[in-house]
C-alpha atoms as a PDB file:
ATOM      1  CA  UNK A   1     -49.131 -75.602 -36.140  1.00  0.00           C
ATOM      2  CA  UNK A   2     -45.862 -76.626 -34.529  1.00  0.00           C
ATOM      3  CA  UNK A   3     -46.577 -79.272 -31.909  1.00  0.00           C
ATOM      4  CA  UNK A   4     -45.205 -77.854 -28.666  1.00  0.00           C
ATOM      5  CA  UNK A   5     -45.249 -81.199 -26.854  1.00  0.00           C
ATOM      6  CA  UNK A   6     -43.236 -82.818 -29.639  1.00  0.00           C
ATOM      7  CA  UNK A   7     -40.897 -79.832 -29.535  1.00  0.00           C
ATOM      8  CA  UNK A   8     -40.249 -80.440 -25.826  1.00  0.00           C
ATOM      9  CA  UNK A   9     -39.663 -84.128 -26.502  1.00  0.00           C
ATOM     10  CA  UNK A  10     -37.185 -83.257 -29.267  1.00  0.00           C
ATOM     11  CA  UNK A  11     -35.415 -80.818 -26.918  1.00  0.00           C
ATOM     12  CA  UNK A  12     -35.054 -83.554 -24.292  1.00  0.00           C
ATOM     13  CA  UNK A  13     -33.868 -86.081 -26.915  1.00  0.00           C
ATOM     14  CA  UNK A  14     -31.525 -83.988 -29.054  1.00  0.00           C
ATOM     15  CA  UNK A  15     -30.668 -80.612 -27.514  1.00  0.00           C
ATOM     16  CA  UNK A  16     -30.489 -81.192 -23.762  1.00  0.00           C
ATOM     17  CA  UNK A  17     -27.965 -84.101 -23.844  1.00  0.00           C
ATOM     18  CA  UNK A  18     -25.496 -82.021 -25.889  1.00  0.00           C
ATOM     19  CA  UNK A  19     -25.769 -79.143 -23.392  1.00  0.00           C
ATOM     20  CA  UNK A  20     -26.257 -81.111 -20.155  1.00  0.00           C
ATOM     21  CA  UNK A  21     -23.134 -79.605 -18.591  1.00  0.00           C
ATOM     22  CA  UNK A  22     -24.313 -76.063 -19.400  1.00  0.00           C
ATOM     23  CA  UNK A  23     -27.754 -76.713 -17.905  1.00  0.00           C
ATOM     24  CA  UNK A  24     -26.203 -78.243 -14.787  1.00  0.00           C
ATOM     25  CA  UNK A  25     -24.211 -75.026 -14.296  1.00  0.00           C
ATOM     26  CA  UNK A  26     -27.247 -72.849 -15.020  1.00  0.00           C
ATOM     27  CA  UNK A  27     -29.263 -74.720 -12.389  1.00  0.00           C
ATOM     28  CA  UNK A  28     -27.245 -72.871  -9.734  1.00  0.00           C
ATOM     29  CA  UNK A  29     -25.889 -69.829 -11.594  1.00  0.00           C
ATOM     30  CA  UNK A  30     -27.707 -66.931 -13.281  1.00  0.00           C
ATOM     31  CA  UNK A  31     -25.286 -64.287 -14.575  1.00  0.00           C
ATOM     32  CA  UNK A  32     -26.490 -62.949 -17.957  1.00  0.00           C
ATOM     33  CA  UNK A  33     -24.304 -60.222 -19.443  1.00  0.00           C
ATOM     34  CA  UNK A  34     -27.010 -58.502 -21.480  1.00  0.00           C
ATOM     35  CA  UNK A  35     -30.517 -57.198 -20.895  1.00  0.00           C
ATOM     36  CA  UNK A  36     -32.251 -57.508 -24.263  1.00  0.00           C
ATOM     37  CA  UNK A  37     -35.497 -55.560 -24.673  1.00  0.00           C
ATOM     38  CA  UNK A  38     -37.381 -56.479 -27.826  1.00  0.00           C
ATOM     39  CA  UNK A  39     -40.829 -56.530 -29.317  1.00  0.00           C
ATOM     40  CA  UNK A  40     -43.233 -59.348 -28.450  1.00  0.00           C
ATOM     41  CA  UNK A  41     -43.511 -60.110 -32.189  1.00  0.00           C
ATOM     42  CA  UNK A  42     -43.088 -63.862 -32.737  1.00  0.00           C
ATOM     43  CA  UNK A  43     -40.744 -63.217 -35.671  1.00  0.00           C
ATOM     44  CA  UNK A  44     -38.155 -61.620 -33.380  1.00  0.00           C
ATOM     45  CA  UNK A  45     -36.260 -64.254 -31.370  1.00  0.00           C
ATOM     46  CA  UNK A  46     -33.394 -62.614 -29.446  1.00  0.00           C
ATOM     47  CA  UNK A  47     -31.481 -65.823 -28.719  1.00  0.00           C
ATOM     48  CA  UNK A  48     -31.668 -66.886 -32.368  1.00  0.00           C
ATOM     49  CA  UNK A  49     -30.706 -63.475 -33.785  1.00  0.00           C
ATOM     50  CA  UNK A  50     -27.703 -63.142 -31.463  1.00  0.00           C
ATOM     51  CA  UNK A  51     -26.864 -66.865 -31.389  1.00  0.00           C
ATOM     52  CA  UNK A  52     -26.778 -66.721 -27.603  1.00  0.00           C
ATOM     53  CA  UNK A  53     -26.659 -69.714 -25.310  1.00  0.00           C
ATOM     54  CA  UNK A  54     -29.159 -70.190 -22.481  1.00  0.00           C
ATOM     55  CA  UNK A  55     -28.224 -67.945 -19.581  1.00  0.00           C
ATOM     56  CA  UNK A  56     -26.571 -65.219 -21.670  1.00  0.00           C
ATOM     57  CA  UNK A  57     -29.555 -62.903 -22.232  1.00  0.00           C
ATOM     58  CA  UNK A  58     -32.070 -61.518 -19.749  1.00  0.00           C
ATOM     59  CA  UNK A  59     -35.025 -60.790 -22.038  1.00  0.00           C
ATOM     60  CA  UNK A  60     -37.944 -58.380 -21.701  1.00  0.00           C
ATOM     61  CA  UNK A  61     -40.485 -58.436 -24.525  1.00  0.00           C
ATOM     62  CA  UNK A  62     -43.216 -55.841 -24.875  1.00  0.00           C
ATOM     63  CA  UNK A  63     -45.503 -54.759 -27.704  1.00  0.00           C
ATOM     64  CA  UNK A  64     -43.455 -52.275 -29.731  1.00  0.00           C
ATOM     65  CA  UNK A  65     -40.355 -52.830 -27.515  1.00  0.00           C
ATOM     66  CA  UNK A  66     -41.703 -50.001 -25.375  1.00  0.00           C
ATOM     67  CA  UNK A  67     -40.040 -49.045 -22.090  1.00  0.00           C
ATOM     68  CA  UNK A  68     -42.149 -46.628 -20.064  1.00  0.00           C
ATOM     69  CA  UNK A  69     -40.142 -43.853 -18.407  1.00  0.00           C
ATOM     70  CA  UNK A  70     -39.629 -44.343 -14.677  1.00  0.00           C
ATOM     71  CA  UNK A  71     -42.680 -43.381 -12.619  1.00  0.00           C
ATOM     72  CA  UNK A  72     -43.830 -43.938  -9.043  1.00  0.00           C
ATOM     73  CA  UNK A  73     -45.448 -47.304  -8.469  1.00  0.00           C
ATOM     74  CA  UNK A  74     -44.490 -50.713  -9.736  1.00  0.00           C
ATOM     75  CA  UNK A  75     -44.836 -52.492 -13.033  1.00  0.00           C
ATOM     76  CA  UNK A  76     -43.334 -55.601 -14.550  1.00  0.00           C
ATOM     77  CA  UNK A  77     -41.093 -53.800 -17.028  1.00  0.00           C
ATOM     78  CA  UNK A  78     -39.561 -51.524 -14.379  1.00  0.00           C
ATOM     79  CA  UNK A  79     -39.084 -54.422 -11.964  1.00  0.00           C
ATOM     80  CA  UNK A  80     -37.368 -56.527 -14.635  1.00  0.00           C
ATOM     81  CA  UNK A  81     -35.040 -53.659 -15.607  1.00  0.00           C
ATOM     82  CA  UNK A  82     -34.126 -53.061 -11.975  1.00  0.00           C
ATOM     83  CA  UNK A  83     -33.478 -56.756 -11.364  1.00  0.00           C
ATOM     84  CA  UNK A  84     -31.278 -57.087 -14.454  1.00  0.00           C
ATOM     85  CA  UNK A  85     -29.209 -54.003 -13.637  1.00  0.00           C
ATOM     86  CA  UNK A  86     -29.128 -53.801  -9.839  1.00  0.00           C
ATOM     87  CA  UNK A  87     -29.182 -57.506  -8.954  1.00  0.00           C
ATOM     88  CA  UNK A  88     -27.735 -59.370 -11.938  1.00  0.00           C
ATOM     89  CA  UNK A  89     -25.320 -56.590 -12.907  1.00  0.00           C
ATOM     90  CA  UNK A  90     -25.723 -56.769 -16.682  1.00  0.00           C
ATOM     91  CA  UNK A  91     -23.096 -54.764 -18.559  1.00  0.00           C
ATOM     92  CA  UNK A  92     -25.094 -54.161 -21.755  1.00  0.00           C
ATOM     93  CA  UNK A  93     -28.699 -53.211 -22.452  1.00  0.00           C
ATOM     94  CA  UNK A  94     -30.033 -53.562 -25.994  1.00  0.00           C
ATOM     95  CA  UNK A  95     -33.342 -52.091 -27.148  1.00  0.00           C
ATOM     96  CA  UNK A  96     -34.175 -53.861 -30.388  1.00  0.00           C
ATOM     97  CA  UNK A  97     -36.894 -52.679 -32.758  1.00  0.00           C
ATOM     98  CA  UNK A  98     -37.628 -54.452 -36.023  1.00  0.00           C
ATOM     99  CA  UNK A  99     -38.899 -54.023 -39.559  1.00  0.00           C
ATOM    100  CA  UNK A 100     -42.634 -54.366 -40.208  1.00  0.00           C
ATOM    101  CA  UNK A 101     -43.455 -53.851 -36.526  1.00  0.00           C
ATOM    102  CA  UNK A 102     -47.211 -54.180 -36.049  1.00  0.00           C
ATOM    103  CA  UNK A 103     -47.288 -51.743 -33.141  1.00  0.00           C
ATOM    104  CA  UNK A 104     -45.390 -49.047 -35.044  1.00  0.00           C
ATOM    105  CA  UNK A 105     -47.444 -49.711 -38.182  1.00  0.00           C
ATOM    106  CA  UNK A 106     -50.668 -49.245 -36.196  1.00  0.00           C
ATOM    107  CA  UNK A 107     -49.411 -45.879 -34.944  1.00  0.00           C
ATOM    108  CA  UNK A 108     -47.935 -44.656 -38.227  1.00  0.00           C
ATOM    109  CA  UNK A 109     -51.046 -45.611 -40.211  1.00  0.00           C
ATOM    110  CA  UNK A 110     -53.480 -44.475 -37.493  1.00  0.00           C
ATOM    111  CA  UNK A 111     -55.240 -47.841 -37.180  1.00  0.00           C
ATOM    112  CA  UNK A 112     -58.499 -47.988 -35.250  1.00  0.00           C
ATOM    113  CA  UNK A 113     -57.586 -49.638 -31.934  1.00  0.00           C
ATOM    114  CA  UNK A 114     -60.987 -49.205 -30.285  1.00  0.00           C
ATOM    115  CA  UNK A 115     -61.335 -52.997 -30.202  1.00  0.00           C
ATOM    116  CA  UNK A 116     -58.015 -53.300 -28.343  1.00  0.00           C
ATOM    117  CA  UNK A 117     -58.177 -50.583 -25.673  1.00  0.00           C
ATOM    118  CA  UNK A 118     -55.280 -51.931 -23.583  1.00  0.00           C
ATOM    119  CA  UNK A 119     -53.064 -51.926 -26.679  1.00  0.00           C
ATOM    120  CA  UNK A 120     -54.133 -48.366 -27.503  1.00  0.00           C
ATOM    121  CA  UNK A 121     -53.209 -47.159 -24.009  1.00  0.00           C
ATOM    122  CA  UNK A 122     -49.884 -49.043 -24.059  1.00  0.00           C
ATOM    123  CA  UNK A 123     -48.904 -47.529 -27.412  1.00  0.00           C
ATOM    124  CA  UNK A 124     -49.270 -44.030 -25.934  1.00  0.00           C
ATOM    125  CA  UNK A 125     -45.698 -44.619 -24.682  1.00  0.00           C
ATOM    126  CA  UNK A 126     -44.666 -43.985 -28.308  1.00  0.00           C
ATOM    127  CA  UNK A 127     -46.522 -40.663 -28.705  1.00  0.00           C
ATOM    128  CA  UNK A 128     -43.344 -38.568 -28.704  1.00  0.00           C
ATOM    129  CA  UNK A 129     -41.716 -40.844 -31.293  1.00  0.00           C
ATOM    130  CA  UNK A 130     -44.790 -40.538 -33.498  1.00  0.00           C
ATOM    131  CA  UNK A 131     -44.726 -36.738 -33.213  1.00  0.00           C
ATOM    132  CA  UNK A 132     -41.047 -36.631 -34.208  1.00  0.00           C
ATOM    133  CA  UNK A 133     -41.676 -38.642 -37.376  1.00  0.00           C
ATOM    134  CA  UNK A 134     -44.706 -36.653 -38.495  1.00  0.00           C
ATOM    135  CA  UNK A 135     -42.933 -35.244 -41.563  1.00  0.00           C
ATOM    136  CA  UNK A 136     -41.767 -38.615 -42.913  1.00  0.00           C
ATOM    137  CA  UNK A 137     -43.209 -39.753 -46.232  1.00  0.00           C
ATOM    138  CA  UNK A 138     -46.025 -42.309 -45.900  1.00  0.00           C
ATOM    139  CA  UNK A 139     -43.982 -45.138 -47.429  1.00  0.00           C
ATOM    140  CA  UNK A 140     -41.080 -44.515 -45.046  1.00  0.00           C
ATOM    141  CA  UNK A 141     -43.027 -43.481 -41.968  1.00  0.00           C
ATOM    142  CA  UNK A 142     -43.093 -46.935 -40.351  1.00  0.00           C
ATOM    143  CA  UNK A 143     -39.326 -47.377 -40.827  1.00  0.00           C
ATOM    144  CA  UNK A 144     -38.677 -43.890 -39.460  1.00  0.00           C
ATOM    145  CA  UNK A 145     -40.965 -44.537 -36.489  1.00  0.00           C
ATOM    146  CA  UNK A 146     -39.287 -47.875 -35.700  1.00  0.00           C
ATOM    147  CA  UNK A 147     -35.891 -46.113 -35.508  1.00  0.00           C
ATOM    148  CA  UNK A 148     -37.149 -43.090 -33.595  1.00  0.00           C
ATOM    149  CA  UNK A 149     -38.958 -45.366 -31.163  1.00  0.00           C
ATOM    150  CA  UNK A 150     -35.770 -47.305 -30.353  1.00  0.00           C
ATOM    151  CA  UNK A 151     -33.975 -44.034 -29.565  1.00  0.00           C
ATOM    152  CA  UNK A 152     -36.896 -42.846 -27.421  1.00  0.00           C
ATOM    153  CA  UNK A 153     -36.922 -46.083 -25.433  1.00  0.00           C
ATOM    154  CA  UNK A 154     -33.181 -45.746 -24.774  1.00  0.00           C
ATOM    155  CA  UNK A 155     -33.899 -42.291 -23.353  1.00  0.00           C
ATOM    156  CA  UNK A 156     -36.714 -43.746 -21.219  1.00  0.00           C
ATOM    157  CA  UNK A 157     -34.369 -46.450 -19.932  1.00  0.00           C
ATOM    158  CA  UNK A 158     -31.979 -43.810 -18.629  1.00  0.00           C
ATOM    159  CA  UNK A 159     -34.759 -42.430 -16.378  1.00  0.00           C
ATOM    160  CA  UNK A 160     -34.821 -45.660 -14.340  1.00  0.00           C
ATOM    161  CA  UNK A 161     -32.750 -45.140 -11.175  1.00  0.00           C
ATOM    162  CA  UNK A 162     -30.840 -48.423 -11.462  1.00  0.00           C
ATOM    163  CA  UNK A 163     -29.868 -47.610 -15.053  1.00  0.00           C
ATOM    164  CA  UNK A 164     -29.002 -43.992 -14.206  1.00  0.00           C
ATOM    165  CA  UNK A 165     -26.691 -45.195 -11.407  1.00  0.00           C
ATOM    166  CA  UNK A 166     -25.028 -47.765 -13.682  1.00  0.00           C
ATOM    167  CA  UNK A 167     -24.522 -45.148 -16.397  1.00  0.00           C
ATOM    168  CA  UNK A 168     -23.005 -42.745 -13.865  1.00  0.00           C
ATOM    169  CA  UNK A 169     -20.644 -45.504 -12.728  1.00  0.00           C
ATOM    170  CA  UNK A 170     -19.740 -46.382 -16.322  1.00  0.00           C
ATOM    171  CA  UNK A 171     -20.773 -49.999 -15.715  1.00  0.00           C
ATOM    172  CA  UNK A 172     -23.441 -50.344 -18.394  1.00  0.00           C
ATOM    173  CA  UNK A 173     -23.695 -49.583 -22.109  1.00  0.00           C
ATOM    174  CA  UNK A 174     -27.004 -48.846 -23.836  1.00  0.00           C
ATOM    175  CA  UNK A 175     -27.383 -49.977 -27.453  1.00  0.00           C
ATOM    176  CA  UNK A 176     -30.136 -49.312 -29.977  1.00  0.00           C
ATOM    177  CA  UNK A 177     -30.719 -51.910 -32.691  1.00  0.00           C
ATOM    178  CA  UNK A 178     -33.178 -52.413 -35.544  1.00  0.00           C
ATOM    179  CA  UNK A 179     -33.536 -55.976 -36.829  1.00  0.00           C
ATOM    180  CA  UNK A 180     -34.449 -56.445 -40.509  1.00  0.00           C
ATOM    181  CA  UNK A 181     -36.620 -59.561 -40.669  1.00  0.00           C
ATOM    182  CA  UNK A 182     -36.243 -60.127 -44.424  1.00  0.00           C
ATOM    183  CA  UNK A 183     -32.479 -59.531 -44.623  1.00  0.00           C
ATOM    184  CA  UNK A 184     -31.576 -60.927 -41.205  1.00  0.00           C
ATOM    185  CA  UNK A 185     -29.332 -57.954 -40.442  1.00  0.00           C
ATOM    186  CA  UNK A 186     -28.970 -55.584 -37.512  1.00  0.00           C
ATOM    187  CA  UNK A 187     -28.636 -51.822 -37.861  1.00  0.00           C
ATOM    188  CA  UNK A 188     -26.996 -50.265 -34.808  1.00  0.00           C
ATOM    189  CA  UNK A 189     -28.422 -46.816 -34.119  1.00  0.00           C
ATOM    190  CA  UNK A 190     -25.923 -45.864 -31.465  1.00  0.00           C
ATOM    191  CA  UNK A 191     -24.486 -46.654 -28.072  1.00  0.00           C
ATOM    192  CA  UNK A 192     -24.140 -44.668 -24.893  1.00  0.00           C
ATOM    193  CA  UNK A 193     -21.992 -45.313 -21.876  1.00  0.00           C
ATOM    194  CA  UNK A 194     -21.491 -42.563 -19.341  1.00  0.00           C
ATOM    195  CA  UNK A 195     -17.960 -42.432 -18.020  1.00  0.00           C
ATOM    196  CA  UNK A 196     -17.240 -42.630 -14.333  1.00  0.00           C
ATOM    197  CA  UNK A 197     -16.876 -39.205 -12.763  1.00  0.00           C
ATOM    198  CA  UNK A 198     -13.291 -38.158 -12.168  1.00  0.00           C
ATOM    199  CA  UNK A 199     -12.193 -36.401  -9.046  1.00  0.00           C
END
């Protein structure tokens, strides 16, 4: 296992000195340009995939990169989306799914999740995506579900008031990505940016 304490020591020794000026600026400034919503899977590292510096991405990670549609009440995902859009003013939102996603595999292959009831309830946010991929061949069903799920989460994002306002103002762009772990590539599924209304 990677020694986390040694990793911190190496960061302080080798990485921090080379970026000391950046960290000094970040100590008083937080202006990320992109909200990046990805799966919690340890193989998906947004900053590594995009080669972003500290401070450039505001990251939300959930099992299956799921974004529940806006609903009354509060939750951490909704609060983080609102903060990124309404307070930080991000100009791009990326929902990034990935190959071999455990959450999507569990749904596509109908795994028994009785031993993980919280996971089972959480994955219900992908029910519509699962229904839309019902006709896919078994070997391709996970891949199809990963893609359909990204598109569904983009639609869910647009139900959040802060995102809806930013789309109406033309100040944010939504992007759907699928990251291929083996090949290291990104497939872009589409973008949407609502234009400002004209009078």
